Amino acid sequence: MVTKIARITIDPHICHGKPSVRGMRWPVEVVLDLIGSGMSFDEIIEDHPELEKEDILACLNFARLSVSGESYQQAN
């Protein structure tokens, strides 16, 4: 199953326009920091129940797009 990248939103009024999860104040970079610190998906969701597994996967897919040079276009 391909994760819906549409979970990642970019809004200049939220998190200073940084890519974030579903319009919440959860920047992609913070979710990636949690993963990078060694937290499992289950630990992240337990500590932050507003996040869903699909949100974390979308953050990883967004990061993959970013480093691959592929463009990301948000659906309106």
PDB file of N, CA and C in Angstrom:
ATOM      1  N   MET A   1       0.843  -1.193   0.000  1.00  0.00           N
ATOM      2  CA  MET A   1       0.000   0.000   0.000  1.00  0.00           C
ATOM      3  C   MET A   1       0.882   1.247   0.000  1.00  0.00           C
ATOM      4  N   VAL A   2       0.582   2.179  -0.855  1.00  0.00           N
ATOM      5  CA  VAL A   2       1.322   3.432  -0.910  1.00  0.00           C
ATOM      6  C   VAL A   2       0.689   4.410   0.073  1.00  0.00           C
ATOM      7  N   THR A   3       1.535   5.006   0.908  1.00  0.00           N
ATOM      8  CA  THR A   3       1.040   5.960   1.893  1.00  0.00           C
ATOM      9  C   THR A   3       0.603   7.239   1.208  1.00  0.00           C
ATOM     10  N   LYS A   4      -0.499   7.779   1.636  1.00  0.00           N
ATOM     11  CA  LYS A   4      -1.022   9.024   1.073  1.00  0.00           C
ATOM     12  C   LYS A   4      -0.155  10.199   1.511  1.00  0.00           C
ATOM     13  N   ILE A   5       0.608  10.724   0.595  1.00  0.00           N
ATOM     14  CA  ILE A   5       1.457  11.879   0.888  1.00  0.00           C
ATOM     15  C   ILE A   5       0.609  13.105   1.169  1.00  0.00           C
ATOM     16  N   ALA A   6      -0.673  13.053   0.797  1.00  0.00           N
ATOM     17  CA  ALA A   6      -1.581  14.188   1.032  1.00  0.00           C
ATOM     18  C   ALA A   6      -1.740  14.487   2.519  1.00  0.00           C
ATOM     19  N   ARG A   7      -1.310  13.593   3.394  1.00  0.00           N
ATOM     20  CA  ARG A   7      -1.342  13.867   4.832  1.00  0.00           C
ATOM     21  C   ARG A   7      -0.366  14.985   5.206  1.00  0.00           C
ATOM     22  N   ILE A   8       0.574  15.267   4.327  1.00  0.00           N
ATOM     23  CA  ILE A   8       1.543  16.328   4.576  1.00  0.00           C
ATOM     24  C   ILE A   8       1.022  17.608   3.932  1.00  0.00           C
ATOM     25  N   THR A   9       0.886  18.636   4.750  1.00  0.00           N
ATOM     26  CA  THR A   9       0.352  19.914   4.275  1.00  0.00           C
ATOM     27  C   THR A   9       1.384  21.014   4.459  1.00  0.00           C
ATOM     28  N   ILE A  10       1.260  22.007   3.609  1.00  0.00           N
ATOM     29  CA  ILE A  10       2.125  23.183   3.706  1.00  0.00           C
ATOM     30  C   ILE A  10       1.217  24.403   3.704  1.00  0.00           C
ATOM     31  N   ASP A  11       1.227  25.109   4.827  1.00  0.00           N
ATOM     32  CA  ASP A  11       0.376  26.280   5.005  1.00  0.00           C
ATOM     33  C   ASP A  11       1.232  27.375   5.640  1.00  0.00           C
ATOM     34  N   PRO A  12       1.334  28.534   5.007  1.00  0.00           N
ATOM     35  CA  PRO A  12       2.192  29.582   5.559  1.00  0.00           C
ATOM     36  C   PRO A  12       1.782  30.046   6.959  1.00  0.00           C
ATOM     37  N   HIS A  13       0.565  29.716   7.380  1.00  0.00           N
ATOM     38  CA  HIS A  13       0.078  30.130   8.694  1.00  0.00           C
ATOM     39  C   HIS A  13       0.285  29.063   9.767  1.00  0.00           C
ATOM     40  N   ILE A  14       0.805  27.919   9.379  1.00  0.00           N
ATOM     41  CA  ILE A  14       1.046  26.834  10.336  1.00  0.00           C
ATOM     42  C   ILE A  14       2.515  26.473  10.297  1.00  0.00           C
ATOM     43  N   CYS A  15       3.167  26.540  11.442  1.00  0.00           N
ATOM     44  CA  CYS A  15       4.593  26.177  11.573  1.00  0.00           C
ATOM     45  C   CYS A  15       5.469  26.937  10.589  1.00  0.00           C
ATOM     46  N   HIS A  16       5.133  28.195  10.363  1.00  0.00           N
ATOM     47  CA  HIS A  16       5.922  29.066   9.481  1.00  0.00           C
ATOM     48  C   HIS A  16       6.063  28.497   8.076  1.00  0.00           C
ATOM     49  N   GLY A  17       5.052  27.754   7.631  1.00  0.00           N
ATOM     50  CA  GLY A  17       5.069  27.214   6.279  1.00  0.00           C
ATOM     51  C   GLY A  17       5.860  25.939   6.104  1.00  0.00           C
ATOM     52  N   LYS A  18       6.353  25.376   7.204  1.00  0.00           N
ATOM     53  CA  LYS A  18       7.086  24.112   7.104  1.00  0.00           C
ATOM     54  C   LYS A  18       6.095  22.985   6.811  1.00  0.00           C
ATOM     55  N   PRO A  19       6.513  21.964   6.094  1.00  0.00           N
ATOM     56  CA  PRO A  19       5.638  20.813   5.871  1.00  0.00           C
ATOM     57  C   PRO A  19       5.226  20.217   7.214  1.00  0.00           C
ATOM     58  N   SER A  20       3.934  19.971   7.375  1.00  0.00           N
ATOM     59  CA  SER A  20       3.438  19.457   8.647  1.00  0.00           C
ATOM     60  C   SER A  20       2.395  18.375   8.402  1.00  0.00           C
ATOM     61  N   VAL A  21       2.039  17.688   9.464  1.00  0.00           N
ATOM     62  CA  VAL A  21       1.103  16.565   9.398  1.00  0.00           C
ATOM     63  C   VAL A  21      -0.336  17.071   9.481  1.00  0.00           C
ATOM     64  N   ARG A  22      -1.104  16.821   8.456  1.00  0.00           N
ATOM     65  CA  ARG A  22      -2.545  17.087   8.407  1.00  0.00           C
ATOM     66  C   ARG A  22      -2.945  18.463   8.927  1.00  0.00           C
ATOM     67  N   GLY A  23      -2.142  19.461   8.676  1.00  0.00           N
ATOM     68  CA  GLY A  23      -2.487  20.814   9.086  1.00  0.00           C
ATOM     69  C   GLY A  23      -2.356  21.058  10.580  1.00  0.00           C
ATOM     70  N   MET A  24      -1.824  20.081  11.302  1.00  0.00           N
ATOM     71  CA  MET A  24      -1.594  20.248  12.735  1.00  0.00           C
ATOM     72  C   MET A  24      -0.233  20.888  12.930  1.00  0.00           C
ATOM     73  N   ARG A  25       0.054  21.240  14.127  1.00  0.00           N
ATOM     74  CA  ARG A  25       1.350  21.841  14.427  1.00  0.00           C
ATOM     75  C   ARG A  25       2.388  20.762  14.728  1.00  0.00           C
ATOM     76  N   TRP A  26       2.488  19.829  13.807  1.00  0.00           N
ATOM     77  CA  TRP A  26       3.459  18.743  13.854  1.00  0.00           C
ATOM     78  C   TRP A  26       4.305  18.784  12.592  1.00  0.00           C
ATOM     79  N   PRO A  27       5.402  19.558  12.604  1.00  0.00           N
ATOM     80  CA  PRO A  27       6.259  19.590  11.418  1.00  0.00           C
ATOM     81  C   PRO A  27       6.845  18.215  11.114  1.00  0.00           C
ATOM     82  N   VAL A  28       6.996  17.934   9.833  1.00  0.00           N
ATOM     83  CA  VAL A  28       7.602  16.675   9.394  1.00  0.00           C
ATOM     84  C   VAL A  28       8.950  16.481  10.082  1.00  0.00           C
ATOM     85  N   GLU A  29       9.734  17.536  10.183  1.00  0.00           N
ATOM     86  CA  GLU A  29      11.073  17.402  10.754  1.00  0.00           C
ATOM     87  C   GLU A  29      11.042  16.933  12.208  1.00  0.00           C
ATOM     88  N   VAL A  30      10.025  17.303  12.965  1.00  0.00           N
ATOM     89  CA  VAL A  30       9.918  16.863  14.357  1.00  0.00           C
ATOM     90  C   VAL A  30       9.602  15.367  14.418  1.00  0.00           C
ATOM     91  N   VAL A  31       8.704  14.918  13.556  1.00  0.00           N
ATOM     92  CA  VAL A  31       8.393  13.488  13.508  1.00  0.00           C
ATOM     93  C   VAL A  31       9.643  12.701  13.108  1.00  0.00           C
ATOM     94  N   LEU A  32      10.390  13.211  12.141  1.00  0.00           N
ATOM     95  CA  LEU A  32      11.632  12.544  11.739  1.00  0.00           C
ATOM     96  C   LEU A  32      12.647  12.539  12.874  1.00  0.00           C
ATOM     97  N   ASP A  33      12.694  13.607  13.663  1.00  0.00           N
ATOM     98  CA  ASP A  33      13.584  13.646  14.829  1.00  0.00           C
ATOM     99  C   ASP A  33      13.215  12.556  15.837  1.00  0.00           C
ATOM    100  N   LEU A  34      11.915  12.345  16.042  1.00  0.00           N
ATOM    101  CA  LEU A  34      11.477  11.303  16.972  1.00  0.00           C
ATOM    102  C   LEU A  34      11.935   9.929  16.496  1.00  0.00           C
ATOM    103  N   ILE A  35      11.773   9.676  15.196  1.00  0.00           N
ATOM    104  CA  ILE A  35      12.223   8.400  14.628  1.00  0.00           C
ATOM    105  C   ILE A  35      13.745   8.289  14.761  1.00  0.00           C
ATOM    106  N   GLY A  36      14.428   9.366  14.441  1.00  0.00           N
ATOM    107  CA  GLY A  36      15.890   9.376  14.513  1.00  0.00           C
ATOM    108  C   GLY A  36      16.427   9.191  15.920  1.00  0.00           C
ATOM    109  N   SER A  37      15.625   9.540  16.919  1.00  0.00           N
ATOM    110  CA  SER A  37      16.060   9.365  18.310  1.00  0.00           C
ATOM    111  C   SER A  37      15.941   7.913  18.749  1.00  0.00           C
ATOM    112  N   GLY A  38      15.351   7.077  17.877  1.00  0.00           N
ATOM    113  CA  GLY A  38      15.228   5.663  18.196  1.00  0.00           C
ATOM    114  C   GLY A  38      13.847   5.230  18.637  1.00  0.00           C
ATOM    115  N   MET A  39      12.906   6.168  18.675  1.00  0.00           N
ATOM    116  CA  MET A  39      11.548   5.809  19.071  1.00  0.00           C
ATOM    117  C   MET A  39      10.893   4.953  17.992  1.00  0.00           C
ATOM    118  N   SER A  40      10.138   3.966  18.416  1.00  0.00           N
ATOM    119  CA  SER A  40       9.375   3.151  17.471  1.00  0.00           C
ATOM    120  C   SER A  40       8.085   3.890  17.119  1.00  0.00           C
ATOM    121  N   PHE A  41       7.436   3.444  16.063  1.00  0.00           N
ATOM    122  CA  PHE A  41       6.146   4.041  15.697  1.00  0.00           C
ATOM    123  C   PHE A  41       5.181   3.939  16.870  1.00  0.00           C
ATOM    124  N   ASP A  42       5.138   2.771  17.502  1.00  0.00           N
ATOM    125  CA  ASP A  42       4.215   2.576  18.625  1.00  0.00           C
ATOM    126  C   ASP A  42       4.514   3.529  19.775  1.00  0.00           C
ATOM    127  N   GLU A  43       5.788   3.753  20.068  1.00  0.00           N
ATOM    128  CA  GLU A  43       6.155   4.687  21.142  1.00  0.00           C
ATOM    129  C   GLU A  43       5.738   6.111  20.793  1.00  0.00           C
ATOM    130  N   ILE A  44       5.940   6.497  19.551  1.00  0.00           N
ATOM    131  CA  ILE A  44       5.549   7.845  19.129  1.00  0.00           C
ATOM    132  C   ILE A  44       4.042   8.024  19.277  1.00  0.00           C
ATOM    133  N   ILE A  45       3.284   7.044  18.814  1.00  0.00           N
ATOM    134  CA  ILE A  45       1.823   7.138  18.875  1.00  0.00           C
ATOM    135  C   ILE A  45       1.338   7.086  20.317  1.00  0.00           C
ATOM    136  N   GLU A  46       1.989   6.307  21.154  1.00  0.00           N
ATOM    137  CA  GLU A  46       1.611   6.239  22.570  1.00  0.00           C
ATOM    138  C   GLU A  46       1.827   7.589  23.248  1.00  0.00           C
ATOM    139  N   ASP A  47       2.961   8.226  22.964  1.00  0.00           N
ATOM    140  CA  ASP A  47       3.268   9.536  23.552  1.00  0.00           C
ATOM    141  C   ASP A  47       2.473  10.671  22.925  1.00  0.00           C
ATOM    142  N   HIS A  48       2.077  10.505  21.663  1.00  0.00           N
ATOM    143  CA  HIS A  48       1.396  11.566  20.911  1.00  0.00           C
ATOM    144  C   HIS A  48       0.212  10.963  20.159  1.00  0.00           C
ATOM    145  N   PRO A  49      -0.878  10.659  20.861  1.00  0.00           N
ATOM    146  CA  PRO A  49      -1.995   9.914  20.251  1.00  0.00           C
ATOM    147  C   PRO A  49      -2.709  10.644  19.115  1.00  0.00           C
ATOM    148  N   GLU A  50      -2.434  11.923  18.935  1.00  0.00           N
ATOM    149  CA  GLU A  50      -3.038  12.630  17.804  1.00  0.00           C
ATOM    150  C   GLU A  50      -2.394  12.219  16.474  1.00  0.00           C
ATOM    151  N   LEU A  51      -1.223  11.595  16.558  1.00  0.00           N
ATOM    152  CA  LEU A  51      -0.557  11.095  15.364  1.00  0.00           C
ATOM    153  C   LEU A  51      -0.996   9.661  15.096  1.00  0.00           C
ATOM    154  N   GLU A  52      -1.011   9.306  13.822  1.00  0.00           N
ATOM    155  CA  GLU A  52      -1.368   7.961  13.390  1.00  0.00           C
ATOM    156  C   GLU A  52      -0.195   7.364  12.633  1.00  0.00           C
ATOM    157  N   LYS A  53      -0.173   6.037  12.554  1.00  0.00           N
ATOM    158  CA  LYS A  53       0.909   5.360  11.843  1.00  0.00           C
ATOM    159  C   LYS A  53       1.045   5.897  10.420  1.00  0.00           C
ATOM    160  N   GLU A  54      -0.079   6.156   9.764  1.00  0.00           N
ATOM    161  CA  GLU A  54      -0.056   6.668   8.394  1.00  0.00           C
ATOM    162  C   GLU A  54       0.600   8.049   8.323  1.00  0.00           C
ATOM    163  N   ASP A  55       0.491   8.844   9.391  1.00  0.00           N
ATOM    164  CA  ASP A  55       1.156  10.153   9.437  1.00  0.00           C
ATOM    165  C   ASP A  55       2.669   9.976   9.442  1.00  0.00           C
ATOM    166  N   ILE A  56       3.136   9.030  10.248  1.00  0.00           N
ATOM    167  CA  ILE A  56       4.580   8.785  10.347  1.00  0.00           C
ATOM    168  C   ILE A  56       5.119   8.277   9.013  1.00  0.00           C
ATOM    169  N   LEU A  57       4.386   7.360   8.396  1.00  0.00           N
ATOM    170  CA  LEU A  57       4.802   6.851   7.080  1.00  0.00           C
ATOM    171  C   LEU A  57       4.796   7.962   6.039  1.00  0.00           C
ATOM    172  N   ALA A  58       3.820   8.854   6.105  1.00  0.00           N
ATOM    173  CA  ALA A  58       3.776   9.979   5.164  1.00  0.00           C
ATOM    174  C   ALA A  58       4.981  10.890   5.356  1.00  0.00           C
ATOM    175  N   CYS A  59       5.410  11.093   6.606  1.00  0.00           N
ATOM    176  CA  CYS A  59       6.601  11.902   6.865  1.00  0.00           C
ATOM    177  C   CYS A  59       7.837  11.261   6.247  1.00  0.00           C
ATOM    178  N   LEU A  60       7.947   9.953   6.391  1.00  0.00           N
ATOM    179  CA  LEU A  60       9.084   9.250   5.786  1.00  0.00           C
ATOM    180  C   LEU A  60       9.040   9.345   4.269  1.00  0.00           C
ATOM    181  N   ASN A  61       7.864   9.203   3.687  1.00  0.00           N
ATOM    182  CA  ASN A  61       7.741   9.320   2.229  1.00  0.00           C
ATOM    183  C   ASN A  61       8.049  10.732   1.764  1.00  0.00           C
ATOM    184  N   PHE A  62       7.629  11.738   2.535  1.00  0.00           N
ATOM    185  CA  PHE A  62       7.941  13.121   2.193  1.00  0.00           C
ATOM    186  C   PHE A  62       9.456  13.336   2.220  1.00  0.00           C
ATOM    187  N   ALA A  63      10.111  12.796   3.233  1.00  0.00           N
ATOM    188  CA  ALA A  63      11.570  12.922   3.324  1.00  0.00           C
ATOM    189  C   ALA A  63      12.248  12.235   2.141  1.00  0.00           C
ATOM    190  N   ARG A  64      11.745  11.067   1.758  1.00  0.00           N
ATOM    191  CA  ARG A  64      12.304  10.363   0.604  1.00  0.00           C
ATOM    192  C   ARG A  64      12.181  11.210  -0.657  1.00  0.00           C
ATOM    193  N   LEU A  65      11.003  11.806  -0.840  1.00  0.00           N
ATOM    194  CA  LEU A  65      10.814  12.693  -2.000  1.00  0.00           C
ATOM    195  C   LEU A  65      11.795  13.858  -1.962  1.00  0.00           C
ATOM    196  N   SER A  66      11.973  14.421  -0.783  1.00  0.00           N
ATOM    197  CA  SER A  66      12.843  15.589  -0.633  1.00  0.00           C
ATOM    198  C   SER A  66      14.288  15.279  -1.016  1.00  0.00           C
ATOM    199  N   VAL A  67      14.792  14.134  -0.567  1.00  0.00           N
ATOM    200  CA  VAL A  67      16.190  13.823  -0.852  1.00  0.00           C
ATOM    201  C   VAL A  67      16.389  13.244  -2.250  1.00  0.00           C
ATOM    202  N   SER A  68      15.311  12.753  -2.858  1.00  0.00           N
ATOM    203  CA  SER A  68      15.431  12.177  -4.198  1.00  0.00           C
ATOM    204  C   SER A  68      15.427  13.241  -5.290  1.00  0.00           C
ATOM    205  N   GLY A  69      15.012  14.452  -4.921  1.00  0.00           N
ATOM    206  CA  GLY A  69      14.913  15.514  -5.914  1.00  0.00           C
ATOM    207  C   GLY A  69      13.572  15.545  -6.620  1.00  0.00           C
ATOM    208  N   GLU A  70      12.688  14.599  -6.273  1.00  0.00           N
ATOM    209  CA  GLU A  70      11.350  14.612  -6.857  1.00  0.00           C
ATOM    210  C   GLU A  70      10.569  15.777  -6.255  1.00  0.00           C
ATOM    211  N   SER A  71       9.620  16.282  -7.009  1.00  0.00           N
ATOM    212  CA  SER A  71       8.844  17.414  -6.499  1.00  0.00           C
ATOM    213  C   SER A  71       7.601  16.920  -5.780  1.00  0.00           C
ATOM    214  N   TYR A  72       7.167  17.711  -4.830  1.00  0.00           N
ATOM    215  CA  TYR A  72       5.955  17.434  -4.087  1.00  0.00           C
ATOM    216  C   TYR A  72       4.987  18.558  -4.378  1.00  0.00           C
ATOM    217  N   GLN A  73       3.807  18.190  -4.834  1.00  0.00           N
ATOM    218  CA  GLN A  73       2.774  19.202  -5.076  1.00  0.00           C
ATOM    219  C   GLN A  73       1.577  18.837  -4.235  1.00  0.00           C
ATOM    220  N   GLN A  74       1.195  19.768  -3.400  1.00  0.00           N
ATOM    221  CA  GLN A  74       0.061  19.557  -2.507  1.00  0.00           C
ATOM    222  C   GLN A  74      -1.233  19.691  -3.289  1.00  0.00           C
ATOM    223  N   ALA A  75      -2.137  18.751  -3.086  1.00  0.00           N
ATOM    224  CA  ALA A  75      -3.460  18.856  -3.722  1.00  0.00           C
ATOM    225  C   ALA A  75      -4.263  19.951  -3.053  1.00  0.00           C
ATOM    226  N   ASN A  76      -4.991  20.690  -3.840  1.00  0.00           N
ATOM    227  CA  ASN A  76      -5.822  21.761  -3.260  1.00  0.00           C
ATOM    228  C   ASN A  76      -7.226  21.276  -3.033  1.00  0.00           C
TER     229      ASN A  76
END
